[in-house]
């Protein structure tokens, strides 16, 4: 998982899970993710919009396999994965 990179709803580029943990809110106890073909498509998701508006990062995965991996991993650095 350390080699995987994902897009975020809050900024452009590709980020690792470690990068996500550094960018999350201090009060945030989950890693939010959503499956979408691209960051642009994810921006139109009504479930992601409120998080984006509040500056909460969401990992954008572009394959359903990633969703399966997050479900099987359950946690990363003590944070549970939450599908938006």
PDB file of N, CA and C in Angstrom:
ATOM      1  N   UNK A   1       0.815  -1.203   0.000  1.00  0.00           N
ATOM      2  CA  UNK A   1       0.000   0.000   0.000  1.00  0.00           C
ATOM      3  C   UNK A   1       0.855   1.263   0.000  1.00  0.00           C
ATOM      4  N   UNK A   2       2.081   1.167   0.470  1.00  0.00           N
ATOM      5  CA  UNK A   2       2.940   2.353   0.521  1.00  0.00           C
ATOM      6  C   UNK A   2       3.259   2.899  -0.869  1.00  0.00           C
ATOM      7  N   UNK A   3       3.185   2.064  -1.891  1.00  0.00           N
ATOM      8  CA  UNK A   3       3.513   2.506  -3.247  1.00  0.00           C
ATOM      9  C   UNK A   3       2.322   3.080  -4.000  1.00  0.00           C
ATOM     10  N   UNK A   4       1.116   2.807  -3.545  1.00  0.00           N
ATOM     11  CA  UNK A   4      -0.085   3.281  -4.241  1.00  0.00           C
ATOM     12  C   UNK A   4      -0.242   4.790  -4.067  1.00  0.00           C
ATOM     13  N   UNK A   5      -0.750   5.429  -5.121  1.00  0.00           N
ATOM     14  CA  UNK A   5      -1.008   6.860  -5.101  1.00  0.00           C
ATOM     15  C   UNK A   5      -2.438   7.116  -5.539  1.00  0.00           C
ATOM     16  N   UNK A   6      -3.033   8.115  -4.936  1.00  0.00           N
ATOM     17  CA  UNK A   6      -4.441   8.438  -5.191  1.00  0.00           C
ATOM     18  C   UNK A   6      -4.588   9.937  -5.404  1.00  0.00           C
ATOM     19  N   UNK A   7      -5.651  10.311  -6.083  1.00  0.00           N
ATOM     20  CA  UNK A   7      -5.995  11.719  -6.177  1.00  0.00           C
ATOM     21  C   UNK A   7      -6.791  12.094  -4.933  1.00  0.00           C
ATOM     22  N   UNK A   8      -6.830  13.375  -4.631  1.00  0.00           N
ATOM     23  CA  UNK A   8      -7.632  13.890  -3.518  1.00  0.00           C
ATOM     24  C   UNK A   8      -8.639  14.892  -4.057  1.00  0.00           C
ATOM     25  N   UNK A   9      -9.737  15.029  -3.356  1.00  0.00           N
ATOM     26  CA  UNK A   9     -10.744  16.017  -3.732  1.00  0.00           C
ATOM     27  C   UNK A   9     -10.307  17.442  -3.416  1.00  0.00           C
ATOM     28  N   UNK A  10      -9.385  17.611  -2.493  1.00  0.00           N
ATOM     29  CA  UNK A  10      -9.033  18.941  -2.007  1.00  0.00           C
ATOM     30  C   UNK A  10      -7.866  19.602  -2.734  1.00  0.00           C
ATOM     31  N   UNK A  11      -7.056  18.820  -3.456  1.00  0.00           N
ATOM     32  CA  UNK A  11      -5.944  19.405  -4.197  1.00  0.00           C
ATOM     33  C   UNK A  11      -5.494  18.479  -5.316  1.00  0.00           C
ATOM     34  N   UNK A  12      -4.821  19.063  -6.297  1.00  0.00           N
ATOM     35  CA  UNK A  12      -4.391  18.290  -7.455  1.00  0.00           C
ATOM     36  C   UNK A  12      -3.100  17.543  -7.162  1.00  0.00           C
ATOM     37  N   UNK A  13      -2.908  16.436  -7.872  1.00  0.00           N
ATOM     38  CA  UNK A  13      -1.717  15.627  -7.714  1.00  0.00           C
ATOM     39  C   UNK A  13      -2.075  14.229  -7.244  1.00  0.00           C
ATOM     40  N   UNK A  14      -1.055  13.457  -6.952  1.00  0.00           N
ATOM     41  CA  UNK A  14      -1.243  12.085  -6.480  1.00  0.00           C
ATOM     42  C   UNK A  14      -0.572  11.948  -5.119  1.00  0.00           C
ATOM     43  N   UNK A  15      -1.257  11.259  -4.217  1.00  0.00           N
ATOM     44  CA  UNK A  15      -0.819  11.194  -2.833  1.00  0.00           C
ATOM     45  C   UNK A  15      -0.879   9.766  -2.302  1.00  0.00           C
ATOM     46  N   UNK A  16       0.020   9.452  -1.381  1.00  0.00           N
ATOM     47  CA  UNK A  16       0.034   8.147  -0.723  1.00  0.00           C
ATOM     48  C   UNK A  16      -0.895   8.185   0.489  1.00  0.00           C
ATOM     49  N   UNK A  17      -1.111   7.041   1.088  1.00  0.00           N
ATOM     50  CA  UNK A  17      -1.903   6.993   2.322  1.00  0.00           C
ATOM     51  C   UNK A  17      -1.198   7.778   3.428  1.00  0.00           C
ATOM     52  N   UNK A  18       0.121   7.719   3.451  1.00  0.00           N
ATOM     53  CA  UNK A  18       0.882   8.474   4.449  1.00  0.00           C
ATOM     54  C   UNK A  18       0.667   9.976   4.247  1.00  0.00           C
ATOM     55  N   UNK A  19       0.646  10.422   2.986  1.00  0.00           N
ATOM     56  CA  UNK A  19       0.360  11.831   2.694  1.00  0.00           C
ATOM     57  C   UNK A  19      -1.039  12.204   3.180  1.00  0.00           C
ATOM     58  N   UNK A  20      -1.993  11.301   2.962  1.00  0.00           N
ATOM     59  CA  UNK A  20      -3.373  11.556   3.380  1.00  0.00           C
ATOM     60  C   UNK A  20      -3.433  11.767   4.894  1.00  0.00           C
ATOM     61  N   UNK A  21      -2.779  10.891   5.631  1.00  0.00           N
ATOM     62  CA  UNK A  21      -2.803  10.989   7.093  1.00  0.00           C
ATOM     63  C   UNK A  21      -2.228  12.341   7.535  1.00  0.00           C
ATOM     64  N   UNK A  22      -1.205  12.819   6.847  1.00  0.00           N
ATOM     65  CA  UNK A  22      -0.607  14.119   7.186  1.00  0.00           C
ATOM     66  C   UNK A  22      -1.557  15.276   6.858  1.00  0.00           C
ATOM     67  N   UNK A  23      -2.433  15.114   5.860  1.00  0.00           N
ATOM     68  CA  UNK A  23      -3.325  16.184   5.415  1.00  0.00           C
ATOM     69  C   UNK A  23      -4.686  16.185   6.121  1.00  0.00           C
ATOM     70  N   UNK A  24      -5.049  15.090   6.764  1.00  0.00           N
ATOM     71  CA  UNK A  24      -6.377  14.992   7.361  1.00  0.00           C
ATOM     72  C   UNK A  24      -6.528  15.969   8.522  1.00  0.00           C
ATOM     73  N   UNK A  25      -7.756  16.203   8.895  1.00  0.00           N
ATOM     74  CA  UNK A  25      -8.046  17.056  10.042  1.00  0.00           C
ATOM     75  C   UNK A  25      -7.609  16.352  11.332  1.00  0.00           C
ATOM     76  N   UNK A  26      -7.214  17.109  12.340  1.00  0.00           N
ATOM     77  CA  UNK A  26      -6.787  16.526  13.614  1.00  0.00           C
ATOM     78  C   UNK A  26      -7.904  15.746  14.292  1.00  0.00           C
ATOM     79  N   UNK A  27      -9.134  16.178  14.102  1.00  0.00           N
ATOM     80  CA  UNK A  27     -10.274  15.526  14.742  1.00  0.00           C
ATOM     81  C   UNK A  27     -10.816  14.352  13.923  1.00  0.00           C
ATOM     82  N   UNK A  28     -10.280  14.153  12.743  1.00  0.00           N
ATOM     83  CA  UNK A  28     -10.768  13.117  11.829  1.00  0.00           C
ATOM     84  C   UNK A  28     -10.231  11.752  12.246  1.00  0.00           C
ATOM     85  N   UNK A  29     -11.133  10.771  12.400  1.00  0.00           N
ATOM     86  CA  UNK A  29     -10.700   9.438  12.832  1.00  0.00           C
ATOM     87  C   UNK A  29     -10.921   8.365  11.767  1.00  0.00           C
ATOM     88  N   UNK A  30     -11.196   8.779  10.532  1.00  0.00           N
ATOM     89  CA  UNK A  30     -11.386   7.838   9.425  1.00  0.00           C
ATOM     90  C   UNK A  30     -10.672   8.368   8.177  1.00  0.00           C
ATOM     91  N   UNK A  31     -10.414   7.456   7.255  1.00  0.00           N
ATOM     92  CA  UNK A  31      -9.886   7.813   5.945  1.00  0.00           C
ATOM     93  C   UNK A  31     -11.047   7.707   4.973  1.00  0.00           C
ATOM     94  N   UNK A  32     -11.492   8.839   4.456  1.00  0.00           N
ATOM     95  CA  UNK A  32     -12.600   8.835   3.500  1.00  0.00           C
ATOM     96  C   UNK A  32     -12.077   8.496   2.116  1.00  0.00           C
ATOM     97  N   UNK A  33     -12.839   7.686   1.391  1.00  0.00           N
ATOM     98  CA  UNK A  33     -12.476   7.372   0.010  1.00  0.00           C
ATOM     99  C   UNK A  33     -13.738   7.222  -0.830  1.00  0.00           C
ATOM    100  N   UNK A  34     -13.560   7.381  -2.126  1.00  0.00           N
ATOM    101  CA  UNK A  34     -14.652   7.199  -3.082  1.00  0.00           C
ATOM    102  C   UNK A  34     -14.061   6.649  -4.378  1.00  0.00           C
ATOM    103  N   UNK A  35     -14.839   5.849  -5.069  1.00  0.00           N
ATOM    104  CA  UNK A  35     -14.412   5.318  -6.357  1.00  0.00           C
ATOM    105  C   UNK A  35     -15.040   6.156  -7.464  1.00  0.00           C
ATOM    106  N   UNK A  36     -14.184   6.684  -8.321  1.00  0.00           N
ATOM    107  CA  UNK A  36     -14.636   7.499  -9.451  1.00  0.00           C
ATOM    108  C   UNK A  36     -13.564   7.421 -10.537  1.00  0.00           C
ATOM    109  N   UNK A  37     -13.952   7.582 -11.792  1.00  0.00           N
ATOM    110  CA  UNK A  37     -12.975   7.505 -12.874  1.00  0.00           C
ATOM    111  C   UNK A  37     -11.915   8.608 -12.822  1.00  0.00           C
ATOM    112  N   UNK A  38     -12.260   9.758 -12.226  1.00  0.00           N
ATOM    113  CA  UNK A  38     -11.305  10.861 -12.145  1.00  0.00           C
ATOM    114  C   UNK A  38     -11.719  11.825 -11.031  1.00  0.00           C
ATOM    115  N   UNK A  39     -10.812  12.724 -10.715  1.00  0.00           N
ATOM    116  CA  UNK A  39     -11.087  13.743  -9.707  1.00  0.00           C
ATOM    117  C   UNK A  39     -12.226  14.657 -10.161  1.00  0.00           C
ATOM    118  N   UNK A  40     -12.280  14.947 -11.448  1.00  0.00           N
ATOM    119  CA  UNK A  40     -13.326  15.801 -12.004  1.00  0.00           C
ATOM    120  C   UNK A  40     -14.703  15.177 -11.818  1.00  0.00           C
ATOM    121  N   UNK A  41     -14.816  13.901 -12.098  1.00  0.00           N
ATOM    122  CA  UNK A  41     -16.092  13.194 -11.922  1.00  0.00           C
ATOM    123  C   UNK A  41     -16.449  13.139 -10.436  1.00  0.00           C
ATOM    124  N   UNK A  42     -15.470  12.897  -9.595  1.00  0.00           N
ATOM    125  CA  UNK A  42     -15.719  12.821  -8.155  1.00  0.00           C
ATOM    126  C   UNK A  42     -16.243  14.147  -7.602  1.00  0.00           C
ATOM    127  N   UNK A  43     -15.818  15.255  -8.191  1.00  0.00           N
ATOM    128  CA  UNK A  43     -16.260  16.567  -7.728  1.00  0.00           C
ATOM    129  C   UNK A  43     -17.772  16.745  -7.864  1.00  0.00           C
ATOM    130  N   UNK A  44     -18.379  16.012  -8.790  1.00  0.00           N
ATOM    131  CA  UNK A  44     -19.832  16.091  -8.983  1.00  0.00           C
ATOM    132  C   UNK A  44     -20.612  15.157  -8.059  1.00  0.00           C
ATOM    133  N   UNK A  45     -19.913  14.376  -7.267  1.00  0.00           N
ATOM    134  CA  UNK A  45     -20.562  13.436  -6.357  1.00  0.00           C
ATOM    135  C   UNK A  45     -21.185  14.210  -5.188  1.00  0.00           C
ATOM    136  N   UNK A  46     -22.493  14.088  -4.988  1.00  0.00           N
ATOM    137  CA  UNK A  46     -23.144  14.854  -3.914  1.00  0.00           C
ATOM    138  C   UNK A  46     -22.713  14.430  -2.509  1.00  0.00           C
ATOM    139  N   UNK A  47     -22.111  13.270  -2.367  1.00  0.00           N
ATOM    140  CA  UNK A  47     -21.630  12.824  -1.061  1.00  0.00           C
ATOM    141  C   UNK A  47     -20.244  13.391  -0.750  1.00  0.00           C
ATOM    142  N   UNK A  48     -19.481  13.698  -1.786  1.00  0.00           N
ATOM    143  CA  UNK A  48     -18.146  14.260  -1.594  1.00  0.00           C
ATOM    144  C   UNK A  48     -18.203  15.774  -1.397  1.00  0.00           C
ATOM    145  N   UNK A  49     -19.164  16.422  -2.023  1.00  0.00           N
ATOM    146  CA  UNK A  49     -19.240  17.887  -1.994  1.00  0.00           C
ATOM    147  C   UNK A  49     -19.181  18.481  -0.582  1.00  0.00           C
ATOM    148  N   UNK A  50     -19.969  18.011   0.391  1.00  0.00           N
ATOM    149  CA  UNK A  50     -19.902  18.609   1.733  1.00  0.00           C
ATOM    150  C   UNK A  50     -18.524  18.457   2.377  1.00  0.00           C
ATOM    151  N   UNK A  51     -17.852  17.349   2.098  1.00  0.00           N
ATOM    152  CA  UNK A  51     -16.515  17.150   2.658  1.00  0.00           C
ATOM    153  C   UNK A  51     -15.534  18.120   2.010  1.00  0.00           C
ATOM    154  N   UNK A  52     -15.631  18.267   0.692  1.00  0.00           N
ATOM    155  CA  UNK A  52     -14.767  19.208  -0.029  1.00  0.00           C
ATOM    156  C   UNK A  52     -14.986  20.621   0.487  1.00  0.00           C
ATOM    157  N   UNK A  53     -16.240  20.995   0.664  1.00  0.00           N
ATOM    158  CA  UNK A  53     -16.592  22.332   1.145  1.00  0.00           C
ATOM    159  C   UNK A  53     -15.962  22.612   2.511  1.00  0.00           C
ATOM    160  N   UNK A  54     -15.834  21.575   3.332  1.00  0.00           N
ATOM    161  CA  UNK A  54     -15.253  21.728   4.667  1.00  0.00           C
ATOM    162  C   UNK A  54     -13.762  21.414   4.718  1.00  0.00           C
ATOM    163  N   UNK A  55     -13.143  21.197   3.545  1.00  0.00           N
ATOM    164  CA  UNK A  55     -11.699  20.968   3.488  1.00  0.00           C
ATOM    165  C   UNK A  55     -11.254  19.601   3.974  1.00  0.00           C
ATOM    166  N   UNK A  56     -12.180  18.648   3.995  1.00  0.00           N
ATOM    167  CA  UNK A  56     -11.846  17.290   4.441  1.00  0.00           C
ATOM    168  C   UNK A  56     -11.427  16.478   3.227  1.00  0.00           C
ATOM    169  N   UNK A  57     -10.210  15.907   3.237  1.00  0.00           N
ATOM    170  CA  UNK A  57      -9.745  15.171   2.072  1.00  0.00           C
ATOM    171  C   UNK A  57     -10.454  13.831   1.890  1.00  0.00           C
ATOM    172  N   UNK A  58     -10.676  13.490   0.626  1.00  0.00           N
ATOM    173  CA  UNK A  58     -11.254  12.202   0.245  1.00  0.00           C
ATOM    174  C   UNK A  58     -10.326  11.597  -0.799  1.00  0.00           C
ATOM    175  N   UNK A  59      -9.896  10.350  -0.566  1.00  0.00           N
ATOM    176  CA  UNK A  59      -9.098   9.640  -1.564  1.00  0.00           C
ATOM    177  C   UNK A  59      -9.990   9.291  -2.740  1.00  0.00           C
ATOM    178  N   UNK A  60      -9.529   9.552  -3.950  1.00  0.00           N
ATOM    179  CA  UNK A  60     -10.274   9.195  -5.145  1.00  0.00           C
ATOM    180  C   UNK A  60      -9.586   7.984  -5.763  1.00  0.00           C
ATOM    181  N   UNK A  61     -10.242   6.844  -5.710  1.00  0.00           N
ATOM    182  CA  UNK A  61      -9.702   5.633  -6.328  1.00  0.00           C
ATOM    183  C   UNK A  61     -10.402   5.430  -7.659  1.00  0.00           C
ATOM    184  N   UNK A  62      -9.669   4.961  -8.634  1.00  0.00           N
ATOM    185  CA  UNK A  62     -10.301   4.805  -9.950  1.00  0.00           C
ATOM    186  C   UNK A  62     -10.550   3.355 -10.334  1.00  0.00           C
ATOM    187  N   UNK A  63     -10.354   2.435  -9.401  1.00  0.00           N
ATOM    188  CA  UNK A  63     -10.673   1.036  -9.672  1.00  0.00           C
ATOM    189  C   UNK A  63     -11.446   0.440  -8.500  1.00  0.00           C
ATOM    190  N   UNK A  64     -12.419  -0.399  -8.783  1.00  0.00           N
ATOM    191  CA  UNK A  64     -13.157  -1.061  -7.702  1.00  0.00           C
ATOM    192  C   UNK A  64     -12.276  -1.973  -6.848  1.00  0.00           C
ATOM    193  N   UNK A  65     -11.139  -2.394  -7.393  1.00  0.00           N
ATOM    194  CA  UNK A  65     -10.229  -3.255  -6.631  1.00  0.00           C
ATOM    195  C   UNK A  65      -9.721  -2.530  -5.391  1.00  0.00           C
ATOM    196  N   UNK A  66      -9.454  -1.245  -5.516  1.00  0.00           N
ATOM    197  CA  UNK A  66      -8.993  -0.464  -4.363  1.00  0.00           C
ATOM    198  C   UNK A  66     -10.029  -0.475  -3.247  1.00  0.00           C
ATOM    199  N   UNK A  67     -11.280  -0.364  -3.611  1.00  0.00           N
ATOM    200  CA  UNK A  67     -12.350  -0.407  -2.615  1.00  0.00           C
ATOM    201  C   UNK A  67     -12.324  -1.743  -1.873  1.00  0.00           C
ATOM    202  N   UNK A  68     -12.113  -2.810  -2.582  1.00  0.00           N
ATOM    203  CA  UNK A  68     -12.011  -4.138  -1.971  1.00  0.00           C
ATOM    204  C   UNK A  68     -10.802  -4.192  -1.022  1.00  0.00           C
ATOM    205  N   UNK A  69      -9.678  -3.641  -1.455  1.00  0.00           N
ATOM    206  CA  UNK A  69      -8.466  -3.642  -0.625  1.00  0.00           C
ATOM    207  C   UNK A  69      -8.699  -2.857   0.660  1.00  0.00           C
ATOM    208  N   UNK A  70      -9.313  -1.679   0.561  1.00  0.00           N
ATOM    209  CA  UNK A  70      -9.590  -0.884   1.763  1.00  0.00           C
ATOM    210  C   UNK A  70     -10.506  -1.648   2.714  1.00  0.00           C
ATOM    211  N   UNK A  71     -11.497  -2.325   2.155  1.00  0.00           N
ATOM    212  CA  UNK A  71     -12.418  -3.101   2.987  1.00  0.00           C
ATOM    213  C   UNK A  71     -11.671  -4.220   3.714  1.00  0.00           C
ATOM    214  N   UNK A  72     -10.778  -4.888   3.026  1.00  0.00           N
ATOM    215  CA  UNK A  72     -10.026  -5.991   3.629  1.00  0.00           C
ATOM    216  C   UNK A  72      -8.975  -5.501   4.631  1.00  0.00           C
ATOM    217  N   UNK A  73      -8.351  -4.357   4.354  1.00  0.00           N
ATOM    218  CA  UNK A  73      -7.341  -3.813   5.272  1.00  0.00           C
ATOM    219  C   UNK A  73      -7.976  -3.330   6.569  1.00  0.00           C
ATOM    220  N   UNK A  74      -9.146  -2.779   6.473  1.00  0.00           N
ATOM    221  CA  UNK A  74      -9.914  -2.209   7.584  1.00  0.00           C
ATOM    222  C   UNK A  74      -9.319  -0.942   8.166  1.00  0.00           C
ATOM    223  N   UNK A  75      -8.006  -0.900   8.460  1.00  0.00           N
ATOM    224  CA  UNK A  75      -7.401   0.296   9.046  1.00  0.00           C
ATOM    225  C   UNK A  75      -6.028   0.568   8.432  1.00  0.00           C
ATOM    226  N   UNK A  76      -5.606   1.806   8.568  1.00  0.00           N
ATOM    227  CA  UNK A  76      -4.252   2.220   8.220  1.00  0.00           C
ATOM    228  C   UNK A  76      -3.820   3.218   9.280  1.00  0.00           C
ATOM    229  N   UNK A  77      -2.731   2.926   9.949  1.00  0.00           N
ATOM    230  CA  UNK A  77      -2.233   3.760  11.048  1.00  0.00           C
ATOM    231  C   UNK A  77      -3.337   4.077  12.056  1.00  0.00           C
ATOM    232  N   UNK A  78      -4.156   3.084  12.343  1.00  0.00           N
ATOM    233  CA  UNK A  78      -5.212   3.228  13.342  1.00  0.00           C
ATOM    234  C   UNK A  78      -6.478   3.918  12.861  1.00  0.00           C
ATOM    235  N   UNK A  79      -6.521   4.310  11.589  1.00  0.00           N
ATOM    236  CA  UNK A  79      -7.696   4.988  11.031  1.00  0.00           C
ATOM    237  C   UNK A  79      -8.489   4.011  10.180  1.00  0.00           C
ATOM    238  N   UNK A  80      -9.782   3.929  10.423  1.00  0.00           N
ATOM    239  CA  UNK A  80     -10.642   3.068   9.606  1.00  0.00           C
ATOM    240  C   UNK A  80     -10.919   3.729   8.272  1.00  0.00           C
ATOM    241  N   UNK A  81     -11.166   2.903   7.264  1.00  0.00           N
ATOM    242  CA  UNK A  81     -11.546   3.395   5.942  1.00  0.00           C
ATOM    243  C   UNK A  81     -13.060   3.569   5.908  1.00  0.00           C
ATOM    244  N   UNK A  82     -13.511   4.665   5.340  1.00  0.00           N
ATOM    245  CA  UNK A  82     -14.952   4.946   5.226  1.00  0.00           C
ATOM    246  C   UNK A  82     -15.279   5.317   3.783  1.00  0.00           C
ATOM    247  N   UNK A  83     -16.127   4.523   3.155  1.00  0.00           N
ATOM    248  CA  UNK A  83     -16.561   4.804   1.796  1.00  0.00           C
ATOM    249  C   UNK A  83     -17.586   5.924   1.842  1.00  0.00           C
ATOM    250  N   UNK A  84     -17.296   6.983   1.104  1.00  0.00           N
ATOM    251  CA  UNK A  84     -18.215   8.121   1.074  1.00  0.00           C
ATOM    252  C   UNK A  84     -19.508   7.702   0.412  1.00  0.00           C
TER     253      UNK A  84
END
